[in-house]
Amino acid sequence: MTDVQDDDLPAHVQTYRSFNKLVLFAILFIMLLLSCMALGLVGSSGFFALVLGIGGAVALLIAFAVL
């Protein structure tokens, strides 16, 4: 009925999980970027927003590299 073999299932699951990690990373990075922009522009805390943005980006990269 289907063209997918039983051997293909682990590869598909791995691809699905990798794609989910990529989407989660993108969403979290966009949220971090927008919150830092709001903090820097509206909150008038430019230095704190810069430190939070750089630190948050590094933390996200490390977290997703380790996991």
Protein backbone atom coordinates (compact mmCIF):
# COMPACT_ATOMS: atom_id res chain seq x y z
CA MET A 1 0.00 0.00 0.00
CA THR A 2 2.74 2.44 0.82
CA ASP A 3 6.12 2.95 -0.75
CA VAL A 4 7.83 3.54 2.61
CA GLN A 5 9.81 0.59 3.85
CA ASP A 6 10.20 -0.29 7.52
CA ASP A 7 13.89 0.63 7.27
CA ASP A 8 13.02 4.20 6.30
CA LEU A 9 11.06 4.94 9.46
CA PRO A 10 14.06 5.77 11.73
CA ALA A 11 15.44 8.13 9.10
CA HIS A 12 12.09 9.91 8.82
CA VAL A 13 11.78 10.21 12.59
CA GLN A 14 15.30 11.64 12.82
CA THR A 15 14.53 14.16 10.09
CA TYR A 16 11.29 15.15 11.83
CA ARG A 17 13.08 15.69 15.15
CA SER A 18 15.85 17.71 13.50
CA PHE A 19 13.30 19.91 11.74
CA ASN A 20 11.44 20.45 15.02
CA LYS A 21 14.70 21.56 16.69
CA LEU A 22 15.39 23.96 13.84
CA VAL A 23 11.91 25.50 14.05
CA LEU A 24 12.14 25.81 17.84
CA PHE A 25 15.54 27.49 17.54
CA ALA A 26 14.19 29.95 14.98
CA ILE A 27 11.17 30.82 17.12
CA LEU A 28 13.26 31.32 20.26
CA PHE A 29 15.82 33.42 18.38
CA ILE A 30 13.13 35.66 16.89
CA MET A 31 11.55 36.11 20.33
CA LEU A 32 14.95 37.01 21.78
CA LEU A 33 15.61 39.46 18.98
CA LEU A 34 12.24 41.17 19.33
CA SER A 35 12.48 41.42 23.10
CA CYS A 36 15.96 42.92 22.89
CA MET A 37 14.80 45.41 20.29
CA ALA A 38 11.86 46.40 22.49
CA LEU A 39 14.10 46.71 25.52
CA GLY A 40 16.63 48.81 23.66
CA LEU A 41 14.23 51.08 21.79
CA VAL A 42 11.19 51.42 24.02
CA GLY A 43 12.83 50.69 27.36
CA SER A 44 15.84 52.92 26.69
CA SER A 45 18.22 50.29 28.03
CA GLY A 46 20.52 49.91 25.06
CA PHE A 47 23.52 48.39 26.79
CA PHE A 48 21.44 45.87 28.74
CA ALA A 49 19.61 44.88 25.55
CA LEU A 50 22.93 44.40 23.74
CA VAL A 51 24.37 42.22 26.51
CA LEU A 52 21.14 40.23 26.77
CA GLY A 53 21.01 39.77 23.00
CA ILE A 54 24.58 38.58 22.65
CA GLY A 55 24.42 36.40 25.75
CA GLY A 56 21.08 34.94 24.76
CA ALA A 57 22.24 34.16 21.23
CA VAL A 58 25.35 32.43 22.53
CA ALA A 59 23.28 30.50 25.08
CA LEU A 60 20.83 29.39 22.39
CA LEU A 61 23.63 28.24 20.11
CA ILE A 62 25.34 26.30 22.90
CA ALA A 63 22.10 24.77 24.11
CA PHE A 64 21.08 23.54 20.67
CA ALA A 65 24.60 22.34 19.88
CA VAL A 66 24.70 20.25 23.05
CA LEU A 67 21.17 18.90 22.76
